[in-house]
N, C-alpha and C. Protein backbone atom coordinates (compact mmCIF):
# COMPACT_ATOMS: atom_id res chain seq x y z
N MET A 1 -43.11 -6.79 -13.13
CA MET A 1 -42.38 -6.32 -14.28
C MET A 1 -43.19 -5.26 -15.02
N ARG A 2 -44.54 -5.34 -15.00
CA ARG A 2 -45.37 -4.36 -15.69
C ARG A 2 -45.13 -2.97 -15.14
N VAL A 3 -44.92 -2.89 -13.81
CA VAL A 3 -44.67 -1.59 -13.19
C VAL A 3 -43.38 -0.99 -13.74
N LEU A 4 -42.33 -1.80 -13.86
CA LEU A 4 -41.06 -1.30 -14.37
C LEU A 4 -41.17 -0.85 -15.82
N SER A 5 -41.88 -1.61 -16.64
CA SER A 5 -41.98 -1.24 -18.05
C SER A 5 -42.81 0.02 -18.25
N SER A 6 -43.67 0.35 -17.29
CA SER A 6 -44.48 1.56 -17.42
C SER A 6 -43.72 2.82 -16.97
N LEU A 7 -42.57 2.64 -16.38
CA LEU A 7 -41.79 3.79 -15.93
C LEU A 7 -41.04 4.43 -17.09
N PRO A 8 -40.80 5.74 -16.99
CA PRO A 8 -40.01 6.41 -18.02
C PRO A 8 -38.59 5.83 -18.04
N ALA A 9 -37.95 5.93 -19.20
CA ALA A 9 -36.60 5.38 -19.38
C ALA A 9 -35.62 5.95 -18.36
N SER A 10 -35.75 7.23 -18.02
CA SER A 10 -34.81 7.85 -17.08
C SER A 10 -34.93 7.24 -15.69
N VAL A 11 -36.16 6.92 -15.28
CA VAL A 11 -36.36 6.31 -13.96
C VAL A 11 -35.83 4.87 -13.97
N ARG A 12 -36.08 4.13 -15.07
CA ARG A 12 -35.55 2.78 -15.18
C ARG A 12 -34.02 2.79 -15.14
N ALA A 13 -33.42 3.77 -15.82
CA ALA A 13 -31.96 3.89 -15.80
C ALA A 13 -31.45 4.19 -14.39
N ALA A 14 -32.16 5.06 -13.69
CA ALA A 14 -31.75 5.39 -12.31
C ALA A 14 -31.86 4.16 -11.42
N LEU A 15 -32.94 3.39 -11.58
CA LEU A 15 -33.09 2.16 -10.79
C LEU A 15 -31.99 1.16 -11.10
N ALA A 16 -31.65 1.03 -12.38
CA ALA A 16 -30.57 0.12 -12.76
C ALA A 16 -29.26 0.56 -12.13
N GLY A 17 -29.02 1.88 -12.11
CA GLY A 17 -27.81 2.40 -11.49
C GLY A 17 -27.76 2.10 -10.00
N ILE A 18 -28.90 2.22 -9.35
CA ILE A 18 -28.97 1.93 -7.91
C ILE A 18 -28.69 0.45 -7.66
N VAL A 19 -29.26 -0.41 -8.48
CA VAL A 19 -29.02 -1.84 -8.32
C VAL A 19 -27.54 -2.15 -8.49
N VAL A 20 -26.91 -1.55 -9.51
CA VAL A 20 -25.48 -1.77 -9.73
C VAL A 20 -24.68 -1.24 -8.54
N ALA A 21 -25.04 -0.05 -8.03
CA ALA A 21 -24.33 0.53 -6.89
C ALA A 21 -24.47 -0.36 -5.65
N LEU A 22 -25.67 -0.84 -5.41
CA LEU A 22 -25.88 -1.73 -4.26
C LEU A 22 -25.07 -3.02 -4.42
N ALA A 23 -25.06 -3.57 -5.62
CA ALA A 23 -24.28 -4.78 -5.86
C ALA A 23 -22.80 -4.52 -5.61
N ALA A 24 -22.31 -3.34 -6.04
CA ALA A 24 -20.90 -3.00 -5.82
C ALA A 24 -20.61 -2.85 -4.33
N VAL A 25 -21.49 -2.19 -3.60
CA VAL A 25 -21.28 -2.00 -2.16
C VAL A 25 -21.28 -3.35 -1.45
N LEU A 26 -22.22 -4.22 -1.80
CA LEU A 26 -22.29 -5.53 -1.15
C LEU A 26 -21.11 -6.40 -1.52
N THR A 27 -20.62 -6.28 -2.75
CA THR A 27 -19.45 -7.05 -3.16
C THR A 27 -18.22 -6.61 -2.41
N VAL A 28 -18.06 -5.29 -2.23
CA VAL A 28 -16.91 -4.75 -1.52
C VAL A 28 -16.96 -5.12 -0.05
N ALA A 29 -18.14 -5.30 0.49
CA ALA A 29 -18.30 -5.56 1.92
C ALA A 29 -18.20 -7.05 2.27
N ASN A 30 -17.45 -7.82 1.49
CA ASN A 30 -17.24 -9.23 1.81
C ASN A 30 -16.54 -9.37 3.15
N PRO A 31 -16.63 -10.51 3.77
CA PRO A 31 -15.98 -10.71 5.07
C PRO A 31 -14.47 -10.49 4.99
N ALA A 32 -13.92 -10.02 6.10
CA ALA A 32 -12.49 -9.73 6.15
C ALA A 32 -11.63 -10.97 5.93
N ALA A 33 -12.20 -12.15 6.09
CA ALA A 33 -11.43 -13.37 5.91
C ALA A 33 -10.88 -13.50 4.49
N ALA A 34 -11.49 -12.81 3.55
CA ALA A 34 -11.04 -12.89 2.17
C ALA A 34 -9.83 -12.00 1.92
N HIS A 35 -9.50 -11.13 2.85
CA HIS A 35 -8.37 -10.22 2.67
C HIS A 35 -7.05 -10.94 2.90
N ASP A 36 -6.00 -10.31 2.38
CA ASP A 36 -4.67 -10.84 2.64
C ASP A 36 -4.38 -10.74 4.13
N GLU A 37 -3.36 -11.45 4.57
CA GLU A 37 -3.04 -11.43 5.99
C GLU A 37 -1.54 -11.55 6.21
N LEU A 38 -1.11 -11.17 7.40
CA LEU A 38 0.27 -11.34 7.81
C LEU A 38 0.52 -12.83 8.04
N VAL A 39 1.56 -13.39 7.40
CA VAL A 39 1.84 -14.81 7.56
C VAL A 39 3.14 -15.07 8.31
N GLY A 40 3.94 -14.03 8.53
CA GLY A 40 5.18 -14.22 9.27
C GLY A 40 5.82 -12.89 9.61
N SER A 41 6.65 -12.91 10.63
CA SER A 41 7.36 -11.69 11.02
C SER A 41 8.68 -12.05 11.68
N SER A 42 9.60 -11.11 11.60
CA SER A 42 10.87 -11.24 12.30
C SER A 42 11.14 -9.89 12.95
N PRO A 43 11.09 -9.87 14.27
CA PRO A 43 10.89 -10.98 15.20
C PRO A 43 9.44 -11.48 15.18
N ALA A 44 9.29 -12.71 15.62
CA ALA A 44 7.96 -13.32 15.70
C ALA A 44 7.21 -12.75 16.90
N ALA A 45 5.90 -12.82 16.85
CA ALA A 45 5.07 -12.34 17.96
C ALA A 45 5.44 -13.10 19.23
N GLY A 46 5.69 -12.36 20.30
CA GLY A 46 6.02 -12.95 21.59
C GLY A 46 7.47 -13.36 21.75
N ALA A 47 8.30 -13.10 20.73
CA ALA A 47 9.71 -13.50 20.81
C ALA A 47 10.44 -12.72 21.91
N ASP A 48 11.37 -13.40 22.58
CA ASP A 48 12.27 -12.75 23.54
C ASP A 48 13.67 -12.88 22.96
N LEU A 49 14.16 -11.80 22.40
CA LEU A 49 15.45 -11.81 21.70
C LEU A 49 16.59 -11.49 22.65
N ALA A 50 17.69 -12.21 22.51
CA ALA A 50 18.89 -11.92 23.31
C ALA A 50 19.53 -10.62 22.83
N GLU A 51 19.48 -10.38 21.53
CA GLU A 51 20.05 -9.15 20.94
C GLU A 51 18.99 -8.42 20.16
N ALA A 52 19.12 -7.11 20.12
CA ALA A 52 18.15 -6.28 19.41
C ALA A 52 18.26 -6.48 17.90
N PRO A 53 17.13 -6.54 17.20
CA PRO A 53 17.18 -6.66 15.74
C PRO A 53 17.55 -5.29 15.13
N ALA A 54 18.11 -5.31 13.93
CA ALA A 54 18.43 -4.07 13.22
C ALA A 54 17.23 -3.59 12.40
N GLU A 55 16.28 -4.53 12.15
CA GLU A 55 15.10 -4.20 11.36
C GLU A 55 13.97 -5.14 11.70
N ILE A 56 12.78 -4.75 11.27
CA ILE A 56 11.58 -5.56 11.42
C ILE A 56 11.19 -6.02 10.02
N THR A 57 10.85 -7.30 9.87
CA THR A 57 10.43 -7.82 8.57
C THR A 57 9.04 -8.45 8.74
N LEU A 58 8.12 -8.03 7.88
CA LEU A 58 6.76 -8.55 7.90
C LEU A 58 6.47 -9.20 6.55
N THR A 59 5.93 -10.40 6.56
CA THR A 59 5.63 -11.12 5.33
C THR A 59 4.12 -11.38 5.25
N TYR A 60 3.54 -11.05 4.10
CA TYR A 60 2.09 -11.15 3.90
C TYR A 60 1.75 -12.26 2.91
N SER A 61 0.50 -12.67 2.89
CA SER A 61 0.06 -13.78 2.04
C SER A 61 0.01 -13.42 0.56
N ALA A 62 0.06 -12.15 0.24
CA ALA A 62 0.07 -11.69 -1.16
C ALA A 62 0.78 -10.34 -1.20
N ALA A 63 0.95 -9.83 -2.41
CA ALA A 63 1.61 -8.53 -2.58
C ALA A 63 0.84 -7.45 -1.83
N ILE A 64 1.57 -6.50 -1.29
CA ILE A 64 0.94 -5.35 -0.62
C ILE A 64 1.30 -4.09 -1.40
N MET A 65 0.50 -3.06 -1.22
CA MET A 65 0.73 -1.80 -1.92
C MET A 65 1.70 -0.93 -1.15
N THR A 66 2.48 -0.13 -1.86
CA THR A 66 3.42 0.76 -1.19
C THR A 66 2.70 1.94 -0.55
N GLU A 67 1.60 2.37 -1.16
CA GLU A 67 0.84 3.49 -0.60
C GLU A 67 0.15 3.07 0.69
N GLY A 68 0.26 3.90 1.70
CA GLY A 68 -0.44 3.65 2.94
C GLY A 68 0.26 2.72 3.92
N ALA A 69 1.43 2.21 3.58
CA ALA A 69 2.14 1.31 4.49
C ALA A 69 2.75 2.12 5.64
N THR A 70 2.43 1.73 6.86
CA THR A 70 2.92 2.43 8.04
C THR A 70 3.33 1.40 9.09
N VAL A 71 4.50 1.63 9.69
CA VAL A 71 4.99 0.75 10.75
C VAL A 71 5.58 1.61 11.85
N ALA A 72 5.26 1.28 13.08
CA ALA A 72 5.86 1.92 14.24
C ALA A 72 6.31 0.82 15.19
N VAL A 73 7.41 1.08 15.90
CA VAL A 73 7.92 0.12 16.88
C VAL A 73 8.04 0.89 18.20
N PHE A 74 7.04 0.73 19.05
CA PHE A 74 6.96 1.50 20.29
C PHE A 74 7.53 0.75 21.49
N ASP A 75 8.16 1.52 22.40
CA ASP A 75 8.49 0.99 23.72
C ASP A 75 7.40 1.48 24.67
N ALA A 76 7.46 1.10 25.94
CA ALA A 76 6.42 1.47 26.89
C ALA A 76 6.32 2.97 27.11
N ALA A 77 7.42 3.70 26.91
CA ALA A 77 7.41 5.16 27.09
C ALA A 77 6.80 5.88 25.90
N GLY A 78 6.51 5.15 24.82
CA GLY A 78 5.90 5.77 23.65
C GLY A 78 6.87 6.19 22.57
N ARG A 79 8.17 5.86 22.76
CA ARG A 79 9.13 6.20 21.72
C ARG A 79 8.95 5.26 20.53
N ASP A 80 8.94 5.84 19.33
CA ASP A 80 8.85 5.05 18.11
C ASP A 80 10.27 4.82 17.60
N TRP A 81 10.70 3.56 17.57
CA TRP A 81 12.06 3.20 17.17
C TRP A 81 12.18 2.95 15.66
N ALA A 82 11.08 3.03 14.93
CA ALA A 82 11.14 2.85 13.48
C ALA A 82 11.86 4.04 12.86
N GLN A 83 12.65 3.76 11.83
CA GLN A 83 13.45 4.82 11.21
C GLN A 83 13.13 4.90 9.71
N GLY A 84 12.66 6.05 9.28
CA GLY A 84 12.37 6.26 7.86
C GLY A 84 11.08 5.60 7.42
N ASP A 85 11.03 5.31 6.13
CA ASP A 85 9.85 4.68 5.55
C ASP A 85 10.10 3.19 5.35
N PRO A 86 9.05 2.40 5.40
CA PRO A 86 9.22 0.96 5.16
C PRO A 86 9.60 0.70 3.70
N THR A 87 10.33 -0.39 3.50
CA THR A 87 10.69 -0.84 2.15
C THR A 87 9.81 -2.04 1.84
N ILE A 88 9.19 -2.04 0.65
CA ILE A 88 8.29 -3.12 0.28
C ILE A 88 8.81 -3.80 -0.98
N ASP A 89 8.90 -5.13 -0.90
CA ASP A 89 9.28 -5.95 -2.05
C ASP A 89 8.19 -7.02 -2.19
N THR A 90 7.23 -6.77 -3.06
CA THR A 90 6.09 -7.64 -3.33
C THR A 90 5.27 -7.88 -2.05
N ASN A 91 5.51 -8.98 -1.34
CA ASN A 91 4.73 -9.30 -0.14
C ASN A 91 5.54 -9.18 1.15
N THR A 92 6.71 -8.56 1.07
CA THR A 92 7.57 -8.42 2.25
C THR A 92 7.83 -6.95 2.54
N LEU A 93 7.59 -6.57 3.78
CA LEU A 93 7.85 -5.20 4.24
C LEU A 93 9.01 -5.24 5.22
N THR A 94 9.97 -4.34 5.04
CA THR A 94 11.11 -4.24 5.96
C THR A 94 11.16 -2.84 6.51
N MET A 95 11.36 -2.72 7.83
CA MET A 95 11.45 -1.43 8.49
C MET A 95 12.72 -1.37 9.32
N ALA A 96 13.58 -0.41 9.00
CA ALA A 96 14.82 -0.22 9.76
C ALA A 96 14.50 0.36 11.14
N LEU A 97 15.36 0.07 12.10
CA LEU A 97 15.18 0.60 13.46
C LEU A 97 16.22 1.68 13.74
N ASP A 98 15.83 2.63 14.57
CA ASP A 98 16.66 3.77 14.92
C ASP A 98 17.58 3.41 16.09
N GLY A 99 18.75 2.90 15.78
CA GLY A 99 19.70 2.52 16.82
C GLY A 99 19.40 1.16 17.40
N GLU A 100 20.17 0.79 18.38
CA GLU A 100 20.00 -0.52 19.01
C GLU A 100 18.99 -0.42 20.14
N LEU A 101 18.00 -1.26 20.10
CA LEU A 101 16.96 -1.25 21.12
C LEU A 101 17.52 -1.73 22.45
N PRO A 102 17.28 -0.98 23.52
CA PRO A 102 17.71 -1.45 24.84
C PRO A 102 16.84 -2.61 25.32
N ALA A 103 17.29 -3.31 26.34
CA ALA A 103 16.51 -4.41 26.92
C ALA A 103 15.18 -3.86 27.43
N ALA A 104 14.09 -4.31 26.82
CA ALA A 104 12.75 -3.83 27.19
C ALA A 104 11.72 -4.57 26.35
N GLY A 105 10.45 -4.22 26.58
CA GLY A 105 9.37 -4.75 25.77
C GLY A 105 9.03 -3.76 24.66
N TYR A 106 8.60 -4.30 23.52
CA TYR A 106 8.27 -3.47 22.36
C TYR A 106 7.01 -4.02 21.70
N VAL A 107 6.33 -3.16 20.96
CA VAL A 107 5.20 -3.62 20.17
C VAL A 107 5.28 -2.96 18.79
N VAL A 108 5.25 -3.81 17.77
CA VAL A 108 5.23 -3.34 16.38
C VAL A 108 3.76 -3.13 16.02
N GLU A 109 3.42 -1.93 15.58
CA GLU A 109 2.07 -1.66 15.09
C GLU A 109 2.21 -1.41 13.59
N TRP A 110 1.48 -2.15 12.79
CA TRP A 110 1.60 -2.02 11.34
C TRP A 110 0.23 -1.89 10.68
N ARG A 111 0.24 -1.20 9.55
CA ARG A 111 -0.95 -1.08 8.72
C ARG A 111 -0.49 -1.01 7.27
N VAL A 112 -1.07 -1.82 6.41
CA VAL A 112 -0.75 -1.83 4.99
C VAL A 112 -2.05 -1.93 4.19
N VAL A 113 -1.94 -1.71 2.89
CA VAL A 113 -3.08 -1.91 2.00
C VAL A 113 -2.81 -3.20 1.25
N SER A 114 -3.73 -4.16 1.41
CA SER A 114 -3.53 -5.48 0.81
C SER A 114 -3.77 -5.43 -0.70
N SER A 115 -3.50 -6.52 -1.37
CA SER A 115 -3.59 -6.58 -2.83
C SER A 115 -5.01 -6.32 -3.33
N ASP A 116 -6.02 -6.53 -2.48
CA ASP A 116 -7.40 -6.27 -2.90
C ASP A 116 -7.84 -4.84 -2.59
N GLY A 117 -6.91 -4.01 -2.11
CA GLY A 117 -7.21 -2.61 -1.86
C GLY A 117 -7.74 -2.28 -0.48
N HIS A 118 -7.87 -3.26 0.39
CA HIS A 118 -8.37 -3.02 1.74
C HIS A 118 -7.22 -2.86 2.73
N PRO A 119 -7.37 -1.89 3.65
CA PRO A 119 -6.34 -1.76 4.68
C PRO A 119 -6.44 -2.91 5.69
N ILE A 120 -5.30 -3.43 6.08
CA ILE A 120 -5.23 -4.44 7.12
C ILE A 120 -4.19 -3.97 8.13
N SER A 121 -4.32 -4.38 9.37
CA SER A 121 -3.39 -3.92 10.40
C SER A 121 -3.26 -4.95 11.50
N GLY A 122 -2.27 -4.73 12.34
CA GLY A 122 -2.07 -5.63 13.46
C GLY A 122 -0.93 -5.18 14.34
N THR A 123 -0.65 -5.98 15.35
CA THR A 123 0.43 -5.69 16.29
C THR A 123 1.26 -6.95 16.51
N ILE A 124 2.53 -6.73 16.83
CA ILE A 124 3.44 -7.84 17.12
C ILE A 124 4.26 -7.44 18.35
N PRO A 125 3.97 -8.01 19.51
CA PRO A 125 4.78 -7.72 20.69
C PRO A 125 6.03 -8.60 20.72
N PHE A 126 7.12 -8.03 21.20
CA PHE A 126 8.35 -8.82 21.41
C PHE A 126 9.17 -8.13 22.48
N THR A 127 10.15 -8.85 22.99
CA THR A 127 11.03 -8.27 24.01
C THR A 127 12.48 -8.46 23.60
N VAL A 128 13.32 -7.63 24.19
CA VAL A 128 14.77 -7.72 23.98
C VAL A 128 15.42 -7.86 25.35
N GLY A 129 16.32 -8.81 25.47
CA GLY A 129 17.10 -8.98 26.70
C GLY A 129 16.29 -9.28 27.94
N GLY A 130 15.19 -10.00 27.78
CA GLY A 130 14.38 -10.37 28.95
C GLY A 130 13.50 -9.25 29.46
N GLY A 131 13.29 -8.21 28.68
CA GLY A 131 12.41 -7.11 29.10
C GLY A 131 10.98 -7.57 29.33
N ALA A 132 10.23 -6.75 30.02
CA ALA A 132 8.83 -7.08 30.30
C ALA A 132 7.99 -6.89 29.04
N PRO A 133 7.20 -7.89 28.67
CA PRO A 133 6.34 -7.76 27.48
C PRO A 133 5.33 -6.62 27.64
N ILE A 134 4.99 -5.97 26.51
CA ILE A 134 3.98 -4.92 26.52
C ILE A 134 3.00 -5.17 25.37
N THR A 135 1.87 -4.47 25.44
CA THR A 135 0.88 -4.46 24.35
C THR A 135 0.68 -3.02 23.94
N SER A 136 -0.12 -2.79 22.92
CA SER A 136 -0.41 -1.42 22.47
C SER A 136 -1.04 -0.60 23.58
N ASP A 137 -1.82 -1.25 24.46
CA ASP A 137 -2.47 -0.54 25.56
C ASP A 137 -1.46 -0.01 26.58
N ASP A 138 -0.25 -0.61 26.62
CA ASP A 138 0.77 -0.20 27.59
C ASP A 138 1.61 0.99 27.09
N VAL A 139 1.47 1.32 25.82
CA VAL A 139 2.29 2.38 25.22
C VAL A 139 1.74 3.73 25.64
N ALA A 140 2.62 4.58 26.17
CA ALA A 140 2.22 5.88 26.71
C ALA A 140 1.84 6.87 25.61
N GLY A 141 0.53 7.07 25.42
CA GLY A 141 0.02 8.15 24.59
C GLY A 141 0.36 8.13 23.12
N GLU A 142 0.75 7.04 22.56
CA GLU A 142 1.11 7.01 21.13
C GLU A 142 0.14 6.13 20.36
N ALA A 143 0.07 6.39 19.08
CA ALA A 143 -0.73 5.56 18.18
C ALA A 143 0.00 5.48 16.85
N LEU A 144 -0.37 4.51 16.08
CA LEU A 144 0.23 4.34 14.77
C LEU A 144 0.06 5.63 13.97
N PRO A 145 1.12 6.17 13.40
CA PRO A 145 1.01 7.41 12.63
C PRO A 145 -0.04 7.28 11.53
N GLY A 146 -0.85 8.32 11.41
CA GLY A 146 -1.87 8.34 10.37
C GLY A 146 -3.10 7.53 10.71
N ASP A 147 -3.22 7.01 11.91
CA ASP A 147 -4.37 6.20 12.28
C ASP A 147 -5.48 7.12 12.78
N ASP A 148 -6.10 7.81 11.83
CA ASP A 148 -7.11 8.79 12.19
C ASP A 148 -8.52 8.35 11.81
N GLY A 149 -8.69 7.11 11.38
CA GLY A 149 -10.01 6.62 11.01
C GLY A 149 -10.57 7.28 9.77
N ALA A 150 -9.72 7.71 8.85
CA ALA A 150 -10.16 8.46 7.68
C ALA A 150 -11.08 7.65 6.78
N LEU A 151 -11.02 6.35 6.80
CA LEU A 151 -11.86 5.53 5.94
C LEU A 151 -13.30 5.46 6.45
N LEU A 152 -13.52 5.59 7.74
CA LEU A 152 -14.85 5.47 8.32
C LEU A 152 -15.84 6.46 7.72
N PRO A 153 -15.51 7.77 7.60
CA PRO A 153 -16.48 8.70 7.01
C PRO A 153 -16.84 8.35 5.57
N VAL A 154 -15.91 7.81 4.81
CA VAL A 154 -16.19 7.43 3.42
C VAL A 154 -17.20 6.29 3.39
N VAL A 155 -17.00 5.29 4.22
CA VAL A 155 -17.92 4.15 4.26
C VAL A 155 -19.30 4.60 4.74
N VAL A 156 -19.35 5.36 5.82
CA VAL A 156 -20.63 5.83 6.36
C VAL A 156 -21.33 6.72 5.33
N GLY A 157 -20.58 7.62 4.70
CA GLY A 157 -21.16 8.50 3.68
C GLY A 157 -21.73 7.73 2.51
N SER A 158 -21.03 6.68 2.08
CA SER A 158 -21.51 5.86 0.97
C SER A 158 -22.81 5.14 1.33
N VAL A 159 -22.86 4.59 2.52
CA VAL A 159 -24.08 3.89 2.96
C VAL A 159 -25.24 4.87 3.05
N ILE A 160 -25.00 6.05 3.59
CA ILE A 160 -26.06 7.06 3.69
C ILE A 160 -26.52 7.50 2.31
N ALA A 161 -25.59 7.70 1.38
CA ALA A 161 -25.95 8.13 0.03
C ALA A 161 -26.83 7.08 -0.65
N VAL A 162 -26.46 5.81 -0.53
CA VAL A 162 -27.26 4.75 -1.15
C VAL A 162 -28.65 4.70 -0.50
N ALA A 163 -28.72 4.87 0.81
CA ALA A 163 -30.02 4.85 1.49
C ALA A 163 -30.89 6.03 1.05
N VAL A 164 -30.31 7.21 0.92
CA VAL A 164 -31.07 8.38 0.48
C VAL A 164 -31.59 8.17 -0.94
N ILE A 165 -30.75 7.65 -1.81
CA ILE A 165 -31.19 7.39 -3.20
C ILE A 165 -32.33 6.39 -3.20
N ALA A 166 -32.22 5.34 -2.41
CA ALA A 166 -33.27 4.33 -2.36
C ALA A 166 -34.59 4.94 -1.86
N VAL A 167 -34.53 5.81 -0.86
CA VAL A 167 -35.74 6.45 -0.33
C VAL A 167 -36.36 7.36 -1.38
N VAL A 168 -35.54 8.16 -2.07
CA VAL A 168 -36.05 9.07 -3.10
C VAL A 168 -36.72 8.27 -4.22
N VAL A 169 -36.07 7.21 -4.68
CA VAL A 169 -36.66 6.38 -5.73
C VAL A 169 -37.96 5.76 -5.24
N GLY A 170 -38.00 5.30 -3.99
CA GLY A 170 -39.23 4.74 -3.43
C GLY A 170 -40.35 5.75 -3.41
N ILE A 171 -40.06 6.97 -3.03
CA ILE A 171 -41.08 8.03 -3.00
C ILE A 171 -41.59 8.32 -4.41
N VAL A 172 -40.67 8.45 -5.37
CA VAL A 172 -41.06 8.72 -6.75
C VAL A 172 -41.94 7.60 -7.28
N LEU A 173 -41.55 6.36 -7.05
CA LEU A 173 -42.35 5.23 -7.52
C LEU A 173 -43.71 5.19 -6.85
N SER A 174 -43.76 5.47 -5.57
CA SER A 174 -45.02 5.48 -4.84
C SER A 174 -45.96 6.54 -5.39
N ARG A 175 -45.44 7.72 -5.67
CA ARG A 175 -46.26 8.80 -6.23
C ARG A 175 -46.76 8.42 -7.62
N ARG A 176 -45.90 7.79 -8.41
CA ARG A 176 -46.31 7.39 -9.77
C ARG A 176 -47.41 6.33 -9.70
N ARG A 177 -47.29 5.39 -8.76
CA ARG A 177 -48.33 4.37 -8.62
C ARG A 177 -49.64 4.99 -8.20
N THR A 178 -49.59 5.96 -7.26
CA THR A 178 -50.80 6.63 -6.79
C THR A 178 -51.46 7.36 -7.95
N ARG A 179 -50.68 8.04 -8.77
CA ARG A 179 -51.24 8.75 -9.92
C ARG A 179 -51.84 7.76 -10.93
N SER A 180 -51.18 6.65 -11.13
CA SER A 180 -51.70 5.63 -12.07
C SER A 180 -53.01 5.05 -11.56
N ASP A 181 -53.07 4.82 -10.24
CA ASP A 181 -54.31 4.26 -9.65
C ASP A 181 -55.48 5.24 -9.74
N GLU A 182 -55.17 6.54 -9.66
CA GLU A 182 -56.22 7.57 -9.71
C GLU A 182 -56.77 7.74 -11.12
N SER A 183 -56.00 7.36 -12.12
CA SER A 183 -56.42 7.56 -13.51
C SER A 183 -57.45 6.59 -13.95
C-alpha cells in the first residue's frame, strides 16, 4: 500500500480505472450458461411434418431484443425460405415463410440478442413430407445473413487495449520504483 500512496494522484486514478475496466471485462465474460436460451420451437428440432408450416416460431427463456434478430430457413440447395423480417413479441420470435415448402429437408438458422445483450444463435433441422434431413453443413454455399463475425474484432481489440494499458502502467511503475530506489 505504501507504493500506491507514494504515486501521484493521476497515476492512482489511472490504476483505479484499469482495475474497474478489468472488473467490467471479467464480469461481461461470464460463462455462456448464464445467457438466455431457446426453450421451444415450432416446428421442433428433428420434426417430420406432413404439411409445410406457414411460419417458424421460436420461444426463448427471456425477452429478446428486436435489434440484430436474424432467421433463415434453408433447403439443401441454399434457398432461404424466410420472408421479410422476424416479428418479436417479448420472448417469442415469428418468421413467415415464402410460399409452401416442398417435401424436403430444411434447417432454421437463427441469431438473436438476448435480454443481457449477448448474441445467441442456433439451428433447428426439420423435414416436410418425409424429406431427407439436412444440417447447416449440407446447405449449398449459404450462411445466416449478417454472420460476418463482427463482434470478434471488438472483443479482441478490447483485450489488446487492456493488455497494452496494463503493460504501460507496469513500465511506469517500474521506472518510478527504480528512481525511488536510486534516491
